[in-house]
Amino acid sequence: MRKVLLIVMVFGFVVQGWGQEKEKVGTTSRISFVMGIGSSVAFDKVYQMPVVSPLDNNVKIEAGQRGRVSATFGISYTPYVYKITDKQNPEGYLATKGLSFVAFFNPLNFSKSSNLEESFSLSNFGLGVGYKSVTGFGVYLVGEIASVKQPRQWFIDEFQNGDKSYEINGQIQNAFSSSDESIFRNKLIPYVGIKACYTFDILKKLSSAVTPDNNN
């Protein structure tokens, strides 16, 4: 919930920036905070939480979807600085744009590949390369690594056909716990995707939001 509120707050700063006149930039910052939203696809097969059929007590394992949608914060690095001229600033000003690199951390998943995947995980990260415009918006091709709890391979091999029950000491089990490390493990799943991003200086926007206008 806190993560969602933080995302809404940042979007508020972004919308506020849209309504302002384009600023002249005396010194540019090649390193900026960034927020991105996009979709990605898993390179590996992902499985849902195994269930036990009430009809025959057999274990059923279904594959999850490979795609997911997530929002995330990170840091971008845009190495090149250009002189920009426009109608508002005919004398020109300096700004970063063009080739840009980004590192993302701890994505908040709006849709998940598996019901075993957490919406928010400290172990997830991503790296990307793309293009950033003068306005701060950019598009990045991103590779991500997500730690997803998955059934162990022996369990998948044993029960993937859905025609066996799972027994412990002769007792048929009718439910599973994702904390059972004999059945589940955390698996690193690689993803590749595209993210639309906005770079911003949150401290500068906070300062401009609270500083009074001296001309009034």
C-alpha atoms as a PDB file:
ATOM      1  CA  MET A   1       0.000   0.000   0.000  1.00  0.00           C
ATOM      2  CA  ARG A   2       2.846   2.406   0.843  1.00  0.00           C
ATOM      3  CA  LYS A   3       4.481   1.610  -2.482  1.00  0.00           C
ATOM      4  CA  VAL A   4       1.270   2.480  -4.356  1.00  0.00           C
ATOM      5  CA  LEU A   5       0.934   5.776  -2.471  1.00  0.00           C
ATOM      6  CA  LEU A   6       4.530   6.663  -3.306  1.00  0.00           C
ATOM      7  CA  ILE A   7       3.914   5.977  -6.998  1.00  0.00           C
ATOM      8  CA  VAL A   8       0.803   8.203  -6.941  1.00  0.00           C
ATOM      9  CA  MET A   9       2.807  10.985  -5.263  1.00  0.00           C
ATOM     10  CA  VAL A  10       5.556  10.822  -7.893  1.00  0.00           C
ATOM     11  CA  PHE A  11       2.979  10.932 -10.682  1.00  0.00           C
ATOM     12  CA  GLY A  12       1.680  14.101  -9.042  1.00  0.00           C
ATOM     13  CA  PHE A  13       5.092  15.702  -9.388  1.00  0.00           C
ATOM     14  CA  VAL A  14       5.267  14.568 -13.018  1.00  0.00           C
ATOM     15  CA  VAL A  15       1.870  16.077 -13.842  1.00  0.00           C
ATOM     16  CA  GLN A  16       2.902  19.281 -12.095  1.00  0.00           C
ATOM     17  CA  GLY A  17       5.994  19.403 -14.291  1.00  0.00           C
ATOM     18  CA  TRP A  18       3.912  19.097 -17.478  1.00  0.00           C
ATOM     19  CA  GLY A  19       2.131  22.341 -16.704  1.00  0.00           C
ATOM     20  CA  GLN A  20       5.294  24.355 -16.122  1.00  0.00           C
ATOM     21  CA  GLU A  21       7.261  26.288 -18.719  1.00  0.00           C
ATOM     22  CA  LYS A  22      10.293  24.414 -19.946  1.00  0.00           C
ATOM     23  CA  GLU A  23      13.264  25.393 -17.767  1.00  0.00           C
ATOM     24  CA  LYS A  24      16.664  26.527 -18.925  1.00  0.00           C
ATOM     25  CA  VAL A  25      19.267  24.149 -17.629  1.00  0.00           C
ATOM     26  CA  GLY A  26      22.566  25.807 -16.721  1.00  0.00           C
ATOM     27  CA  THR A  27      24.269  22.657 -15.515  1.00  0.00           C
ATOM     28  CA  THR A  28      22.901  19.291 -16.384  1.00  0.00           C
ATOM     29  CA  SER A  29      22.726  16.185 -14.271  1.00  0.00           C
ATOM     30  CA  ARG A  30      23.549  13.017 -16.104  1.00  0.00           C
ATOM     31  CA  ILE A  31      22.348  10.872 -13.182  1.00  0.00           C
ATOM     32  CA  SER A  32      18.649  11.076 -12.258  1.00  0.00           C
ATOM     33  CA  PHE A  33      15.939   9.220 -10.441  1.00  0.00           C
ATOM     34  CA  VAL A  34      13.622   7.363 -12.765  1.00  0.00           C
ATOM     35  CA  MET A  35      10.210   5.734 -12.585  1.00  0.00           C
ATOM     36  CA  GLY A  36       9.172   3.165 -15.172  1.00  0.00           C
ATOM     37  CA  ILE A  37       6.061   1.221 -16.077  1.00  0.00           C
ATOM     38  CA  GLY A  38       5.983  -1.581 -18.605  1.00  0.00           C
ATOM     39  CA  SER A  39       5.605  -5.237 -19.416  1.00  0.00           C
ATOM     40  CA  SER A  40       8.091  -8.087 -19.575  1.00  0.00           C
ATOM     41  CA  VAL A  41       8.182 -11.731 -20.616  1.00  0.00           C
ATOM     42  CA  ALA A  42       9.898 -14.601 -18.769  1.00  0.00           C
ATOM     43  CA  PHE A  43      12.575 -16.638 -20.544  1.00  0.00           C
ATOM     44  CA  ASP A  44      11.825 -19.666 -18.385  1.00  0.00           C
ATOM     45  CA  LYS A  45       8.637 -21.592 -17.664  1.00  0.00           C
ATOM     46  CA  VAL A  46       6.809 -20.477 -14.517  1.00  0.00           C
ATOM     47  CA  TYR A  47       4.398 -22.619 -12.501  1.00  0.00           C
ATOM     48  CA  GLN A  48       1.401 -21.808 -10.340  1.00  0.00           C
ATOM     49  CA  MET A  49       0.903 -23.087  -6.796  1.00  0.00           C
ATOM     50  CA  PRO A  50       0.184 -26.847  -7.002  1.00  0.00           C
ATOM     51  CA  VAL A  51      -3.318 -27.875  -5.944  1.00  0.00           C
ATOM     52  CA  VAL A  52      -4.961 -31.163  -5.003  1.00  0.00           C
ATOM     53  CA  SER A  53      -8.057 -32.165  -6.956  1.00  0.00           C
ATOM     54  CA  PRO A  54     -11.040 -32.839  -4.647  1.00  0.00           C
ATOM     55  CA  LEU A  55     -12.267 -35.473  -7.117  1.00  0.00           C
ATOM     56  CA  ASP A  56      -9.326 -37.895  -7.075  1.00  0.00           C
ATOM     57  CA  ASN A  57      -6.791 -36.323  -4.649  1.00  0.00           C
ATOM     58  CA  ASN A  58      -4.259 -36.081  -7.462  1.00  0.00           C
ATOM     59  CA  VAL A  59      -1.783 -33.213  -7.597  1.00  0.00           C
ATOM     60  CA  LYS A  60      -2.340 -30.687 -10.390  1.00  0.00           C
ATOM     61  CA  ILE A  61       0.407 -28.355 -11.568  1.00  0.00           C
ATOM     62  CA  GLU A  62      -0.460 -25.620 -14.048  1.00  0.00           C
ATOM     63  CA  ALA A  63       1.916 -23.316 -15.890  1.00  0.00           C
ATOM     64  CA  GLY A  64       1.664 -19.606 -15.150  1.00  0.00           C
ATOM     65  CA  GLN A  65       1.664 -16.832 -17.713  1.00  0.00           C
ATOM     66  CA  ARG A  66       5.064 -15.660 -18.883  1.00  0.00           C
ATOM     67  CA  GLY A  67       4.113 -12.002 -19.113  1.00  0.00           C
ATOM     68  CA  ARG A  68       3.743  -9.495 -16.300  1.00  0.00           C
ATOM     69  CA  VAL A  69       3.227  -5.747 -15.829  1.00  0.00           C
ATOM     70  CA  SER A  70       5.207  -3.829 -13.237  1.00  0.00           C
ATOM     71  CA  ALA A  71       6.117  -0.345 -12.010  1.00  0.00           C
ATOM     72  CA  THR A  72       9.507   0.384 -10.520  1.00  0.00           C
ATOM     73  CA  PHE A  73      11.915   3.058  -9.372  1.00  0.00           C
ATOM     74  CA  GLY A  74      15.563   3.294 -10.319  1.00  0.00           C
ATOM     75  CA  ILE A  75      18.484   5.435 -11.416  1.00  0.00           C
ATOM     76  CA  SER A  76      19.304   6.504 -14.958  1.00  0.00           C
ATOM     77  CA  TYR A  77      22.553   7.666 -16.531  1.00  0.00           C
ATOM     78  CA  THR A  78      22.403   9.779 -19.702  1.00  0.00           C
ATOM     79  CA  PRO A  79      25.963  10.596 -20.792  1.00  0.00           C
ATOM     80  CA  TYR A  80      25.445  13.144 -23.578  1.00  0.00           C
ATOM     81  CA  VAL A  81      24.589  16.856 -23.193  1.00  0.00           C
ATOM     82  CA  TYR A  82      23.170  18.958 -26.031  1.00  0.00           C
ATOM     83  CA  LYS A  83      22.308  22.603 -26.573  1.00  0.00           C
ATOM     84  CA  ILE A  84      18.560  22.917 -27.077  1.00  0.00           C
ATOM     85  CA  THR A  85      16.791  25.870 -28.704  1.00  0.00           C
ATOM     86  CA  ASP A  86      13.050  26.404 -28.943  1.00  0.00           C
ATOM     87  CA  LYS A  87      10.445  29.194 -29.042  1.00  0.00           C
ATOM     88  CA  GLN A  88      10.487  29.638 -25.267  1.00  0.00           C
ATOM     89  CA  ASN A  89      14.288  29.625 -25.105  1.00  0.00           C
ATOM     90  CA  PRO A  90      15.692  31.023 -28.378  1.00  0.00           C
ATOM     91  CA  GLU A  91      19.146  31.534 -26.813  1.00  0.00           C
ATOM     92  CA  GLY A  92      19.307  27.860 -26.023  1.00  0.00           C
ATOM     93  CA  TYR A  93      19.981  25.824 -22.914  1.00  0.00           C
ATOM     94  CA  LEU A  94      21.796  22.624 -22.052  1.00  0.00           C
ATOM     95  CA  ALA A  95      20.042  19.315 -21.471  1.00  0.00           C
ATOM     96  CA  THR A  96      20.788  15.629 -21.495  1.00  0.00           C
ATOM     97  CA  LYS A  97      19.065  13.441 -24.067  1.00  0.00           C
ATOM     98  CA  GLY A  98      19.662  10.484 -26.325  1.00  0.00           C
ATOM     99  CA  LEU A  99      21.333   7.241 -25.294  1.00  0.00           C
ATOM    100  CA  SER A 100      20.499   6.408 -21.688  1.00  0.00           C
ATOM    101  CA  PHE A 101      21.115   3.569 -19.243  1.00  0.00           C
ATOM    102  CA  VAL A 102      18.939   2.603 -16.304  1.00  0.00           C
ATOM    103  CA  ALA A 103      19.030   0.354 -13.241  1.00  0.00           C
ATOM    104  CA  PHE A 104      15.727  -0.672 -11.623  1.00  0.00           C
ATOM    105  CA  PHE A 105      15.114  -2.053  -8.152  1.00  0.00           C
ATOM    106  CA  ASN A 106      12.222  -3.789  -6.375  1.00  0.00           C
ATOM    107  CA  PRO A 107       9.443  -3.694  -8.997  1.00  0.00           C
ATOM    108  CA  LEU A 108       5.823  -3.555  -7.863  1.00  0.00           C
ATOM    109  CA  ASN A 109       3.966  -6.136  -9.959  1.00  0.00           C
ATOM    110  CA  PHE A 110       0.454  -5.262 -11.111  1.00  0.00           C
ATOM    111  CA  SER A 111       0.110  -8.602 -12.892  1.00  0.00           C
ATOM    112  CA  LYS A 112       2.248 -11.619 -12.006  1.00  0.00           C
ATOM    113  CA  SER A 113       3.554 -14.638 -13.870  1.00  0.00           C
ATOM    114  CA  SER A 114       2.577 -16.959 -11.014  1.00  0.00           C
ATOM    115  CA  ASN A 115       0.416 -16.806  -7.892  1.00  0.00           C
ATOM    116  CA  LEU A 116       3.625 -17.807  -6.069  1.00  0.00           C
ATOM    117  CA  GLU A 117       5.344 -14.586  -7.190  1.00  0.00           C
ATOM    118  CA  GLU A 118       5.357 -11.762  -4.676  1.00  0.00           C
ATOM    119  CA  SER A 119       3.989  -8.363  -5.676  1.00  0.00           C
ATOM    120  CA  PHE A 120       7.081  -6.712  -4.180  1.00  0.00           C
ATOM    121  CA  SER A 121      10.465  -8.299  -3.552  1.00  0.00           C
ATOM    122  CA  LEU A 122      13.773  -6.815  -2.418  1.00  0.00           C
ATOM    123  CA  SER A 123      15.685  -9.400  -4.446  1.00  0.00           C
ATOM    124  CA  ASN A 124      14.399  -8.248  -7.847  1.00  0.00           C
ATOM    125  CA  PHE A 125      16.326  -5.882 -10.122  1.00  0.00           C
ATOM    126  CA  GLY A 126      16.748  -4.913 -13.763  1.00  0.00           C
ATOM    127  CA  LEU A 127      19.105  -3.151 -16.198  1.00  0.00           C
ATOM    128  CA  GLY A 128      18.133  -1.370 -19.390  1.00  0.00           C
ATOM    129  CA  VAL A 129      19.253   0.761 -22.294  1.00  0.00           C
ATOM    130  CA  GLY A 130      17.155   3.148 -24.330  1.00  0.00           C
ATOM    131  CA  TYR A 131      16.438   6.693 -25.444  1.00  0.00           C
ATOM    132  CA  LYS A 132      15.599   9.653 -23.184  1.00  0.00           C
ATOM    133  CA  SER A 133      14.064  12.844 -24.548  1.00  0.00           C
ATOM    134  CA  VAL A 134      14.795  16.387 -23.350  1.00  0.00           C
ATOM    135  CA  THR A 135      11.521  16.403 -21.422  1.00  0.00           C
ATOM    136  CA  GLY A 136      12.682  13.460 -19.290  1.00  0.00           C
ATOM    137  CA  PHE A 137      10.542  10.785 -20.889  1.00  0.00           C
ATOM    138  CA  GLY A 138      12.201   7.725 -22.322  1.00  0.00           C
ATOM    139  CA  VAL A 139      11.723   4.194 -23.592  1.00  0.00           C
ATOM    140  CA  TYR A 140      14.046   1.399 -22.449  1.00  0.00           C
ATOM    141  CA  LEU A 141      14.690  -2.217 -23.357  1.00  0.00           C
ATOM    142  CA  VAL A 142      15.073  -3.865 -19.961  1.00  0.00           C
ATOM    143  CA  GLY A 143      16.409  -7.188 -18.738  1.00  0.00           C
ATOM    144  CA  GLU A 144      15.175  -8.177 -15.278  1.00  0.00           C
ATOM    145  CA  ILE A 145      15.847 -10.891 -12.737  1.00  0.00           C
ATOM    146  CA  ALA A 146      13.004 -11.919 -10.430  1.00  0.00           C
ATOM    147  CA  SER A 147      13.188 -14.326  -7.509  1.00  0.00           C
ATOM    148  CA  VAL A 148      10.014 -16.427  -7.734  1.00  0.00           C
ATOM    149  CA  LYS A 149       9.082 -19.273  -5.423  1.00  0.00           C
ATOM    150  CA  GLN A 150       8.616 -22.375  -7.551  1.00  0.00           C
ATOM    151  CA  PRO A 151       8.081 -26.139  -7.098  1.00  0.00           C
ATOM    152  CA  ARG A 152      11.339 -28.056  -7.098  1.00  0.00           C
ATOM    153  CA  GLN A 153      12.190 -29.923 -10.273  1.00  0.00           C
ATOM    154  CA  TRP A 154      11.707 -33.372  -8.726  1.00  0.00           C
ATOM    155  CA  PHE A 155       8.184 -32.382  -7.712  1.00  0.00           C
ATOM    156  CA  ILE A 156       7.380 -31.103 -11.205  1.00  0.00           C
ATOM    157  CA  ASP A 157       8.751 -34.265 -12.835  1.00  0.00           C
ATOM    158  CA  GLU A 158       6.799 -36.465 -10.435  1.00  0.00           C
ATOM    159  CA  PHE A 159       3.395 -34.774 -10.585  1.00  0.00           C
ATOM    160  CA  GLN A 160       3.229 -32.771 -13.833  1.00  0.00           C
ATOM    161  CA  ASN A 161       0.936 -35.360 -15.482  1.00  0.00           C
ATOM    162  CA  GLY A 162      -1.719 -34.852 -12.813  1.00  0.00           C
ATOM    163  CA  ASP A 163      -2.280 -38.581 -12.224  1.00  0.00           C
ATOM    164  CA  LYS A 164      -0.618 -39.061  -8.821  1.00  0.00           C
ATOM    165  CA  SER A 165      -1.394 -38.142  -5.255  1.00  0.00           C
ATOM    166  CA  TYR A 166       1.207 -36.830  -2.813  1.00  0.00           C
ATOM    167  CA  GLU A 167       1.635 -38.959   0.296  1.00  0.00           C
ATOM    168  CA  ILE A 168       3.635 -38.565   3.506  1.00  0.00           C
ATOM    169  CA  ASN A 169       3.939 -41.688   5.673  1.00  0.00           C
ATOM    170  CA  GLY A 170       1.040 -43.230   3.766  1.00  0.00           C
ATOM    171  CA  GLN A 171      -1.226 -40.204   4.313  1.00  0.00           C
ATOM    172  CA  ILE A 172      -2.573 -38.421   1.227  1.00  0.00           C
ATOM    173  CA  GLN A 173      -1.873 -34.681   1.423  1.00  0.00           C
ATOM    174  CA  ASN A 174      -4.685 -32.380   0.310  1.00  0.00           C
ATOM    175  CA  ALA A 175      -2.880 -29.022   0.533  1.00  0.00           C
ATOM    176  CA  PHE A 176       0.582 -27.483   0.220  1.00  0.00           C
ATOM    177  CA  SER A 177       2.438 -24.721   2.005  1.00  0.00           C
ATOM    178  CA  SER A 178       4.752 -22.482  -0.003  1.00  0.00           C
ATOM    179  CA  SER A 179       7.067 -22.405   3.041  1.00  0.00           C
ATOM    180  CA  ASP A 180       7.764 -26.145   2.690  1.00  0.00           C
ATOM    181  CA  GLU A 181      11.369 -26.085   1.476  1.00  0.00           C
ATOM    182  CA  SER A 182      11.296 -29.757   0.557  1.00  0.00           C
ATOM    183  CA  ILE A 183       8.818 -28.898  -2.224  1.00  0.00           C
ATOM    184  CA  PHE A 184       9.497 -25.232  -3.043  1.00  0.00           C
ATOM    185  CA  ARG A 185      12.554 -23.104  -3.706  1.00  0.00           C
ATOM    186  CA  ASN A 186      13.294 -19.553  -4.736  1.00  0.00           C
ATOM    187  CA  LYS A 187      14.217 -19.565  -8.400  1.00  0.00           C
ATOM    188  CA  LEU A 188      15.775 -16.685 -10.335  1.00  0.00           C
ATOM    189  CA  ILE A 189      13.674 -16.070 -13.446  1.00  0.00           C
ATOM    190  CA  PRO A 190      15.086 -13.858 -16.239  1.00  0.00           C
ATOM    191  CA  TYR A 191      12.677 -11.445 -17.961  1.00  0.00           C
ATOM    192  CA  VAL A 192      13.016  -9.089 -20.914  1.00  0.00           C
ATOM    193  CA  GLY A 193      10.645  -6.227 -21.624  1.00  0.00           C
ATOM    194  CA  ILE A 194      10.021  -2.599 -22.494  1.00  0.00           C
ATOM    195  CA  LYS A 195       9.427   0.201 -20.012  1.00  0.00           C
ATOM    196  CA  ALA A 196       8.184   3.753 -20.525  1.00  0.00           C
ATOM    197  CA  CYS A 197      10.020   5.939 -18.033  1.00  0.00           C
ATOM    198  CA  TYR A 198      10.178   9.445 -16.629  1.00  0.00           C
ATOM    199  CA  THR A 199      13.364  10.862 -15.100  1.00  0.00           C
ATOM    200  CA  PHE A 200      13.072  13.449 -12.349  1.00  0.00           C
ATOM    201  CA  ASP A 201      14.830  15.147  -9.462  1.00  0.00           C
ATOM    202  CA  ILE A 202      12.414  14.531  -6.596  1.00  0.00           C
ATOM    203  CA  LEU A 203      14.261  16.893  -4.228  1.00  0.00           C
ATOM    204  CA  LYS A 204      14.098  19.734  -6.743  1.00  0.00           C
ATOM    205  CA  LYS A 205      10.395  19.197  -7.335  1.00  0.00           C
ATOM    206  CA  LEU A 206       9.703  19.096  -3.608  1.00  0.00           C
ATOM    207  CA  SER A 207      11.615  22.340  -3.185  1.00  0.00           C
ATOM    208  CA  SER A 208       9.744  24.081  -6.010  1.00  0.00           C
ATOM    209  CA  ALA A 209       6.445  22.884  -4.572  1.00  0.00           C
ATOM    210  CA  VAL A 210       7.020  24.551  -1.169  1.00  0.00           C
ATOM    211  CA  THR A 211       9.049  27.640  -2.143  1.00  0.00           C
ATOM    212  CA  PRO A 212       6.858  30.792  -2.328  1.00  0.00           C
ATOM    213  CA  ASP A 213       6.867  33.001  -5.421  1.00  0.00           C
ATOM    214  CA  ASN A 214       8.869  36.143  -4.540  1.00  0.00           C
ATOM    215  CA  ASN A 215       7.265  38.115  -7.362  1.00  0.00           C
ATOM    216  CA  ASN A 216       3.867  38.141  -5.606  1.00  0.00           C
END
